Amino acid sequence: MALDESQIDAQLSSMATKLRTARHERGMRLVDVASVTGLSEVHLYRLEQGERAPSLRALLVLANALDLSPADLLTSDNAGPSKAVAHTGQAVWNGTEKSGSGVMIKGGVKVPYDLAHRDNPGAEAGSPEALLGMAFAGCFSMALAADLDAAGFQPSRIETFAQVRNEISATGVDLSDIELRCEAVVAAIGDQQFQLLAENTKRHCLVARALAAVPARLDARLVSFSESD
C-alpha cells in the first residue's frame, strides 16, 4: 500500500530525530559527520530537520558513520510498545568435565556433546561452539534479509556459514574469533552496496551485539545482482 504525504512526512521526521539523536549521543558535530561521509554540512542539516529525504547512498554511509543499521533509521517509531520474549534452551551434563557427557535440548531435539567433541569439531555430536555458530549464521542471514528489504532490494536466498574458533590452553578455553562466510542472491543491487549492507549487518545483528567481545570477520559474496539471473 502506497504511503500518503502525511505518512511520508512522519517517516522523514522520525528519521531526522534519529539522525540528530545518534549524532549527539556520539558527541559528533555536523562537520565530523560530513568528514566521514562526504556529505555536505548543509545537506546533513536538512536531513536532520526532515526537510530532505536521503538517497540510498546517503542512508548507507550515514548508518555506517553513526554505527547503526539502515533499518534502525527506517523503522517507524509508531510500531507500538516493546515486549519481552523469552527463548529457552536446555542442557544436561552428567559427570566431570573430562569424563562426563551431556545433551543440549531444544524443542525435543537432543544434541549430545562432551569434551572430546570440542577438540574434534568434525565428529557427529555437537558442541556449544557449533550451536553458537549456527545461531550467529541464522541471525545474520535473517537480519541481512531485513536490511536488504529496508534498503529497497529483494533477496531470494542467503546462505551463511559461521566458523567459531577457540583456543585451548592449560589455563582454559577462550573463543578466539568467528568467521562468517555468506553467499546471497539479490536482485538489482551492486556489489559495493551489498558489501556495505552486509558489513553493517555483521556488526549490528542481535547475536553479533551479544558477541561483541569476540572478533568477527565477514566474507560476503554476491552471487547474482541482475533481474535476469
C-alpha atoms as a PDB file:
ATOM      1  CA  MET A   1       0.000   0.000   0.000  1.00  0.00           C
ATOM      2  CA  ALA A   2       1.402   3.383  -1.013  1.00  0.00           C
ATOM      3  CA  LEU A   3       2.183   5.937   1.669  1.00  0.00           C
ATOM      4  CA  ASP A   4       0.299   9.225   1.638  1.00  0.00           C
ATOM      5  CA  GLU A   5       2.032  12.573   2.124  1.00  0.00           C
ATOM      6  CA  SER A   6       1.349  12.690   5.867  1.00  0.00           C
ATOM      7  CA  GLN A   7       2.891   9.252   6.364  1.00  0.00           C
ATOM      8  CA  ILE A   8       5.948  10.223   4.334  1.00  0.00           C
ATOM      9  CA  ASP A   9       6.359  13.413   6.369  1.00  0.00           C
ATOM     10  CA  ALA A  10       6.051  11.431   9.606  1.00  0.00           C
ATOM     11  CA  GLN A  11       8.708   8.960   8.418  1.00  0.00           C
ATOM     12  CA  LEU A  12      11.088  11.780   7.476  1.00  0.00           C
ATOM     13  CA  SER A  13      10.521  13.449  10.843  1.00  0.00           C
ATOM     14  CA  SER A  14      11.224  10.178  12.671  1.00  0.00           C
ATOM     15  CA  MET A  15      14.400   9.619  10.663  1.00  0.00           C
ATOM     16  CA  ALA A  16      15.540  13.204  11.267  1.00  0.00           C
ATOM     17  CA  THR A  17      15.127  12.747  15.025  1.00  0.00           C
ATOM     18  CA  LYS A  18      17.094   9.504  14.956  1.00  0.00           C
ATOM     19  CA  LEU A  19      19.923  11.117  12.988  1.00  0.00           C
ATOM     20  CA  ARG A  20      20.193  14.025  15.433  1.00  0.00           C
ATOM     21  CA  THR A  21      19.965  11.772  18.480  1.00  0.00           C
ATOM     22  CA  ALA A  22      22.599   9.335  17.213  1.00  0.00           C
ATOM     23  CA  ARG A  23      24.991  12.146  16.326  1.00  0.00           C
ATOM     24  CA  HIS A  24      24.573  13.841  19.711  1.00  0.00           C
ATOM     25  CA  GLU A  25      24.987  10.565  21.613  1.00  0.00           C
ATOM     26  CA  ARG A  26      28.313  10.056  19.851  1.00  0.00           C
ATOM     27  CA  GLY A  27      29.488  13.595  20.545  1.00  0.00           C
ATOM     28  CA  MET A  28      29.813  14.356  16.827  1.00  0.00           C
ATOM     29  CA  ARG A  29      29.346  17.717  15.136  1.00  0.00           C
ATOM     30  CA  LEU A  30      27.874  18.123  11.682  1.00  0.00           C
ATOM     31  CA  VAL A  31      31.377  18.792  10.385  1.00  0.00           C
ATOM     32  CA  ASP A  32      32.558  15.492  11.911  1.00  0.00           C
ATOM     33  CA  VAL A  33      29.815  13.533  10.166  1.00  0.00           C
ATOM     34  CA  ALA A  34      30.493  15.422   6.937  1.00  0.00           C
ATOM     35  CA  SER A  35      34.165  14.479   7.050  1.00  0.00           C
ATOM     36  CA  VAL A  36      33.481  10.741   7.292  1.00  0.00           C
ATOM     37  CA  THR A  37      30.500  10.557   4.920  1.00  0.00           C
ATOM     38  CA  GLY A  38      31.439  13.005   2.175  1.00  0.00           C
ATOM     39  CA  LEU A  39      28.040  14.695   2.572  1.00  0.00           C
ATOM     40  CA  SER A  40      27.944  18.469   2.976  1.00  0.00           C
ATOM     41  CA  GLU A  41      27.051  20.054   6.308  1.00  0.00           C
ATOM     42  CA  VAL A  42      24.118  21.829   4.659  1.00  0.00           C
ATOM     43  CA  HIS A  43      22.778  18.556   3.295  1.00  0.00           C
ATOM     44  CA  LEU A  44      23.195  16.877   6.698  1.00  0.00           C
ATOM     45  CA  TYR A  45      21.420  19.771   8.419  1.00  0.00           C
ATOM     46  CA  ARG A  46      18.451  19.476   6.064  1.00  0.00           C
ATOM     47  CA  LEU A  47      18.290  15.733   6.655  1.00  0.00           C
ATOM     48  CA  GLU A  48      18.288  16.307  10.406  1.00  0.00           C
ATOM     49  CA  GLN A  49      15.462  18.834  10.020  1.00  0.00           C
ATOM     50  CA  GLY A  50      13.365  16.431   7.969  1.00  0.00           C
ATOM     51  CA  GLU A  51      13.474  18.804   5.007  1.00  0.00           C
ATOM     52  CA  ARG A  52      15.028  16.303   2.619  1.00  0.00           C
ATOM     53  CA  ALA A  53      14.857  12.543   2.078  1.00  0.00           C
ATOM     54  CA  PRO A  54      18.256  10.810   1.934  1.00  0.00           C
ATOM     55  CA  SER A  55      19.335   8.926  -1.163  1.00  0.00           C
ATOM     56  CA  LEU A  56      20.161   5.244  -0.747  1.00  0.00           C
ATOM     57  CA  ARG A  57      23.879   6.060  -0.776  1.00  0.00           C
ATOM     58  CA  ALA A  58      23.412   8.765   1.878  1.00  0.00           C
ATOM     59  CA  LEU A  59      21.360   6.392   4.021  1.00  0.00           C
ATOM     60  CA  LEU A  60      24.052   3.703   3.873  1.00  0.00           C
ATOM     61  CA  VAL A  61      27.010   5.983   4.602  1.00  0.00           C
ATOM     62  CA  LEU A  62      25.152   7.740   7.424  1.00  0.00           C
ATOM     63  CA  ALA A  63      24.195   4.448   9.058  1.00  0.00           C
ATOM     64  CA  ASN A  64      27.799   3.288   8.804  1.00  0.00           C
ATOM     65  CA  ALA A  65      29.202   6.561  10.197  1.00  0.00           C
ATOM     66  CA  LEU A  66      26.793   6.529  13.150  1.00  0.00           C
ATOM     67  CA  ASP A  67      27.317   2.818  13.882  1.00  0.00           C
ATOM     68  CA  LEU A  68      23.715   1.983  13.035  1.00  0.00           C
ATOM     69  CA  SER A  69      21.999  -0.269  10.524  1.00  0.00           C
ATOM     70  CA  PRO A  70      19.864   1.260   7.749  1.00  0.00           C
ATOM     71  CA  ALA A  71      16.873  -0.497   9.311  1.00  0.00           C
ATOM     72  CA  ASP A  72      17.453   1.470  12.542  1.00  0.00           C
ATOM     73  CA  LEU A  73      16.882   4.698  10.632  1.00  0.00           C
ATOM     74  CA  LEU A  74      13.979   3.421   8.550  1.00  0.00           C
ATOM     75  CA  THR A  75      11.984   1.749  11.317  1.00  0.00           C
ATOM     76  CA  SER A  76       8.969   3.788  12.361  1.00  0.00           C
ATOM     77  CA  ASP A  77       8.654   4.980  15.948  1.00  0.00           C
ATOM     78  CA  ASN A  78       4.955   4.156  15.823  1.00  0.00           C
ATOM     79  CA  ALA A  79       5.452   0.415  15.981  1.00  0.00           C
ATOM     80  CA  GLY A  80       3.843   0.253  19.451  1.00  0.00           C
ATOM     81  CA  PRO A  81       5.259  -0.697  22.842  1.00  0.00           C
ATOM     82  CA  SER A  82       8.110  -3.162  23.050  1.00  0.00           C
ATOM     83  CA  LYS A  83       7.664  -6.578  24.590  1.00  0.00           C
ATOM     84  CA  ALA A  84       9.980  -9.136  26.129  1.00  0.00           C
ATOM     85  CA  VAL A  85      10.132 -12.596  24.551  1.00  0.00           C
ATOM     86  CA  ALA A  86      11.887 -15.498  26.286  1.00  0.00           C
ATOM     87  CA  HIS A  87      13.659 -18.202  24.257  1.00  0.00           C
ATOM     88  CA  THR A  88      14.599 -21.258  26.300  1.00  0.00           C
ATOM     89  CA  GLY A  89      17.302 -23.822  25.697  1.00  0.00           C
ATOM     90  CA  GLN A  90      18.144 -26.725  27.978  1.00  0.00           C
ATOM     91  CA  ALA A  91      21.328 -28.635  28.727  1.00  0.00           C
ATOM     92  CA  VAL A  92      22.020 -31.600  31.000  1.00  0.00           C
ATOM     93  CA  TRP A  93      25.575 -32.621  31.915  1.00  0.00           C
ATOM     94  CA  ASN A  94      26.485 -35.830  33.750  1.00  0.00           C
ATOM     95  CA  GLY A  95      29.838 -36.456  35.413  1.00  0.00           C
ATOM     96  CA  THR A  96      33.056 -34.475  35.421  1.00  0.00           C
ATOM     97  CA  GLU A  97      34.208 -32.273  32.567  1.00  0.00           C
ATOM     98  CA  LYS A  98      36.882 -34.724  31.420  1.00  0.00           C
ATOM     99  CA  SER A  99      34.941 -37.993  31.629  1.00  0.00           C
ATOM    100  CA  GLY A 100      31.333 -36.863  31.540  1.00  0.00           C
ATOM    101  CA  SER A 101      28.926 -36.120  28.717  1.00  0.00           C
ATOM    102  CA  GLY A 102      25.822 -34.071  28.151  1.00  0.00           C
ATOM    103  CA  VAL A 103      22.934 -33.294  25.898  1.00  0.00           C
ATOM    104  CA  MET A 104      21.652 -29.932  24.652  1.00  0.00           C
ATOM    105  CA  ILE A 105      17.893 -29.839  24.079  1.00  0.00           C
ATOM    106  CA  LYS A 106      15.644 -27.504  22.087  1.00  0.00           C
ATOM    107  CA  GLY A 107      12.091 -28.308  21.054  1.00  0.00           C
ATOM    108  CA  GLY A 108      12.561 -32.018  21.693  1.00  0.00           C
ATOM    109  CA  VAL A 109      15.712 -32.177  19.544  1.00  0.00           C
ATOM    110  CA  LYS A 110      18.661 -33.543  21.509  1.00  0.00           C
ATOM    111  CA  VAL A 111      22.287 -32.872  20.572  1.00  0.00           C
ATOM    112  CA  PRO A 112      24.861 -34.877  22.553  1.00  0.00           C
ATOM    113  CA  TYR A 113      28.178 -33.296  23.436  1.00  0.00           C
ATOM    114  CA  ASP A 114      31.289 -33.929  25.500  1.00  0.00           C
ATOM    115  CA  LEU A 115      34.809 -32.604  25.924  1.00  0.00           C
ATOM    116  CA  ALA A 116      36.204 -34.741  23.099  1.00  0.00           C
ATOM    117  CA  HIS A 117      33.982 -33.025  20.543  1.00  0.00           C
ATOM    118  CA  ARG A 118      35.458 -29.652  21.420  1.00  0.00           C
ATOM    119  CA  ASP A 119      38.792 -30.975  20.131  1.00  0.00           C
ATOM    120  CA  ASN A 120      37.217 -32.811  17.188  1.00  0.00           C
ATOM    121  CA  PRO A 121      34.670 -30.492  15.522  1.00  0.00           C
ATOM    122  CA  GLY A 122      34.095 -32.958  12.678  1.00  0.00           C
ATOM    123  CA  ALA A 123      32.578 -35.547  14.994  1.00  0.00           C
ATOM    124  CA  GLU A 124      28.885 -36.420  14.786  1.00  0.00           C
ATOM    125  CA  ALA A 125      27.985 -34.996  18.180  1.00  0.00           C
ATOM    126  CA  GLY A 126      27.746 -31.272  18.713  1.00  0.00           C
ATOM    127  CA  SER A 127      29.450 -28.638  20.811  1.00  0.00           C
ATOM    128  CA  PRO A 128      28.388 -25.320  22.348  1.00  0.00           C
ATOM    129  CA  GLU A 129      30.674 -23.600  19.830  1.00  0.00           C
ATOM    130  CA  ALA A 130      28.895 -25.243  16.890  1.00  0.00           C
ATOM    131  CA  LEU A 131      25.498 -24.154  18.194  1.00  0.00           C
ATOM    132  CA  LEU A 132      26.864 -20.663  18.780  1.00  0.00           C
ATOM    133  CA  GLY A 133      27.992 -20.575  15.156  1.00  0.00           C
ATOM    134  CA  MET A 134      24.603 -21.809  14.000  1.00  0.00           C
ATOM    135  CA  ALA A 135      22.884 -19.069  15.991  1.00  0.00           C
ATOM    136  CA  PHE A 136      25.190 -16.385  14.542  1.00  0.00           C
ATOM    137  CA  ALA A 137      24.721 -17.665  10.982  1.00  0.00           C
ATOM    138  CA  GLY A 138      20.952 -17.796  11.376  1.00  0.00           C
ATOM    139  CA  CYS A 139      20.712 -14.352  12.963  1.00  0.00           C
ATOM    140  CA  PHE A 140      22.991 -12.784  10.338  1.00  0.00           C
ATOM    141  CA  SER A 141      21.092 -14.303   7.402  1.00  0.00           C
ATOM    142  CA  MET A 142      17.715 -13.144   8.691  1.00  0.00           C
ATOM    143  CA  ALA A 143      18.970  -9.674   9.637  1.00  0.00           C
ATOM    144  CA  LEU A 144      20.672  -9.203   6.255  1.00  0.00           C
ATOM    145  CA  ALA A 145      17.391 -10.076   4.531  1.00  0.00           C
ATOM    146  CA  ALA A 146      15.677  -7.398   6.639  1.00  0.00           C
ATOM    147  CA  ASP A 147      18.361  -4.792   5.904  1.00  0.00           C
ATOM    148  CA  LEU A 148      18.259  -5.513   2.176  1.00  0.00           C
ATOM    149  CA  ASP A 149      14.484  -5.252   2.149  1.00  0.00           C
ATOM    150  CA  ALA A 150      14.587  -1.984   4.105  1.00  0.00           C
ATOM    151  CA  ALA A 151      17.042  -0.586   1.563  1.00  0.00           C
ATOM    152  CA  GLY A 152      14.698  -1.480  -1.293  1.00  0.00           C
ATOM    153  CA  PHE A 153      16.274  -4.722  -2.554  1.00  0.00           C
ATOM    154  CA  GLN A 154      14.749  -8.173  -2.834  1.00  0.00           C
ATOM    155  CA  PRO A 155      16.853 -11.099  -1.557  1.00  0.00           C
ATOM    156  CA  SER A 156      15.849 -14.551  -2.728  1.00  0.00           C
ATOM    157  CA  ARG A 157      18.451 -16.669  -0.901  1.00  0.00           C
ATOM    158  CA  ILE A 158      21.080 -16.002   1.776  1.00  0.00           C
ATOM    159  CA  GLU A 159      23.315 -18.853   2.933  1.00  0.00           C
ATOM    160  CA  THR A 160      25.774 -18.269   5.773  1.00  0.00           C
ATOM    161  CA  PHE A 161      28.407 -20.431   7.438  1.00  0.00           C
ATOM    162  CA  ALA A 162      29.860 -19.374  10.783  1.00  0.00           C
ATOM    163  CA  GLN A 163      33.154 -20.904  11.886  1.00  0.00           C
ATOM    164  CA  VAL A 164      33.750 -20.411  15.601  1.00  0.00           C
ATOM    165  CA  ARG A 165      37.365 -20.891  16.646  1.00  0.00           C
ATOM    166  CA  ASN A 166      38.540 -21.445  20.178  1.00  0.00           C
ATOM    167  CA  GLU A 167      41.958 -21.578  21.794  1.00  0.00           C
ATOM    168  CA  ILE A 168      42.552 -24.385  24.257  1.00  0.00           C
ATOM    169  CA  SER A 169      45.431 -23.940  26.660  1.00  0.00           C
ATOM    170  CA  ALA A 170      46.485 -25.021  30.122  1.00  0.00           C
ATOM    171  CA  THR A 171      44.545 -22.097  31.583  1.00  0.00           C
ATOM    172  CA  GLY A 172      41.243 -22.919  29.882  1.00  0.00           C
ATOM    173  CA  VAL A 173      39.265 -22.334  26.696  1.00  0.00           C
ATOM    174  CA  ASP A 174      38.696 -18.974  25.018  1.00  0.00           C
ATOM    175  CA  LEU A 175      36.792 -18.005  21.887  1.00  0.00           C
ATOM    176  CA  SER A 176      39.421 -16.512  19.591  1.00  0.00           C
ATOM    177  CA  ASP A 177      37.367 -15.376  16.585  1.00  0.00           C
ATOM    178  CA  ILE A 178      34.395 -16.074  14.355  1.00  0.00           C
ATOM    179  CA  GLU A 179      34.436 -16.103  10.561  1.00  0.00           C
ATOM    180  CA  LEU A 180      31.202 -15.632   8.642  1.00  0.00           C
ATOM    181  CA  ARG A 181      31.042 -16.781   5.005  1.00  0.00           C
ATOM    182  CA  CYS A 182      27.951 -15.665   3.190  1.00  0.00           C
ATOM    183  CA  GLU A 183      26.569 -16.155  -0.311  1.00  0.00           C
ATOM    184  CA  ALA A 184      23.482 -14.186  -1.303  1.00  0.00           C
ATOM    185  CA  VAL A 185      21.258 -13.997  -4.348  1.00  0.00           C
ATOM    186  CA  VAL A 186      19.795 -10.494  -4.532  1.00  0.00           C
ATOM    187  CA  ALA A 187      18.146  -8.762  -7.465  1.00  0.00           C
ATOM    188  CA  ALA A 188      19.248  -5.373  -8.815  1.00  0.00           C
ATOM    189  CA  ILE A 189      21.978  -4.480  -6.306  1.00  0.00           C
ATOM    190  CA  GLY A 190      25.607  -3.601  -6.954  1.00  0.00           C
ATOM    191  CA  ASP A 191      28.390  -5.344  -5.079  1.00  0.00           C
ATOM    192  CA  GLN A 192      29.570  -2.177  -3.311  1.00  0.00           C
ATOM    193  CA  GLN A 193      26.130  -1.536  -1.816  1.00  0.00           C
ATOM    194  CA  PHE A 194      25.768  -5.196  -0.915  1.00  0.00           C
ATOM    195  CA  GLN A 195      29.136  -5.291   0.872  1.00  0.00           C
ATOM    196  CA  LEU A 196      28.290  -2.183   2.899  1.00  0.00           C
ATOM    197  CA  LEU A 197      24.931  -3.578   3.956  1.00  0.00           C
ATOM    198  CA  ALA A 198      26.425  -6.972   4.827  1.00  0.00           C
ATOM    199  CA  GLU A 199      29.177  -5.403   6.941  1.00  0.00           C
ATOM    200  CA  ASN A 200      26.627  -3.295   8.801  1.00  0.00           C
ATOM    201  CA  THR A 201      24.532  -6.389   9.461  1.00  0.00           C
ATOM    202  CA  LYS A 202      27.580  -8.293  10.719  1.00  0.00           C
ATOM    203  CA  ARG A 203      28.126  -5.609  13.360  1.00  0.00           C
ATOM    204  CA  HIS A 204      24.525  -4.993  14.354  1.00  0.00           C
ATOM    205  CA  CYS A 205      22.501  -8.212  14.254  1.00  0.00           C
ATOM    206  CA  LEU A 206      21.297  -9.460  17.631  1.00  0.00           C
ATOM    207  CA  VAL A 207      23.850 -12.256  18.100  1.00  0.00           C
ATOM    208  CA  ALA A 208      26.690 -10.020  16.864  1.00  0.00           C
ATOM    209  CA  ARG A 209      25.892  -7.492  19.583  1.00  0.00           C
ATOM    210  CA  ALA A 210      25.828 -10.252  22.184  1.00  0.00           C
ATOM    211  CA  LEU A 211      29.246 -11.472  20.981  1.00  0.00           C
ATOM    212  CA  ALA A 212      30.817  -8.028  20.676  1.00  0.00           C
ATOM    213  CA  ALA A 213      33.874  -9.136  22.679  1.00  0.00           C
ATOM    214  CA  VAL A 214      34.777 -11.801  20.092  1.00  0.00           C
ATOM    215  CA  PRO A 215      36.452 -10.595  16.855  1.00  0.00           C
ATOM    216  CA  ALA A 216      34.304 -11.434  13.810  1.00  0.00           C
ATOM    217  CA  ARG A 217      35.250 -11.359  10.134  1.00  0.00           C
ATOM    218  CA  LEU A 218      32.957 -11.467   7.132  1.00  0.00           C
ATOM    219  CA  ASP A 219      33.497 -12.841   3.635  1.00  0.00           C
ATOM    220  CA  ALA A 220      30.324 -11.927   1.733  1.00  0.00           C
ATOM    221  CA  ARG A 221      29.790 -12.881  -1.894  1.00  0.00           C
ATOM    222  CA  LEU A 222      27.009 -11.597  -4.096  1.00  0.00           C
ATOM    223  CA  VAL A 223      26.020 -14.491  -6.352  1.00  0.00           C
ATOM    224  CA  SER A 224      23.607 -12.527  -8.534  1.00  0.00           C
ATOM    225  CA  PHE A 225      22.502  -8.931  -8.736  1.00  0.00           C
ATOM    226  CA  SER A 226      20.645  -8.647 -12.014  1.00  0.00           C
ATOM    227  CA  GLU A 227      16.930  -9.014 -12.594  1.00  0.00           C
ATOM    228  CA  SER A 228      17.523 -11.610 -15.293  1.00  0.00           C
ATOM    229  CA  ASP A 229      19.531 -14.010 -13.093  1.00  0.00           C
END
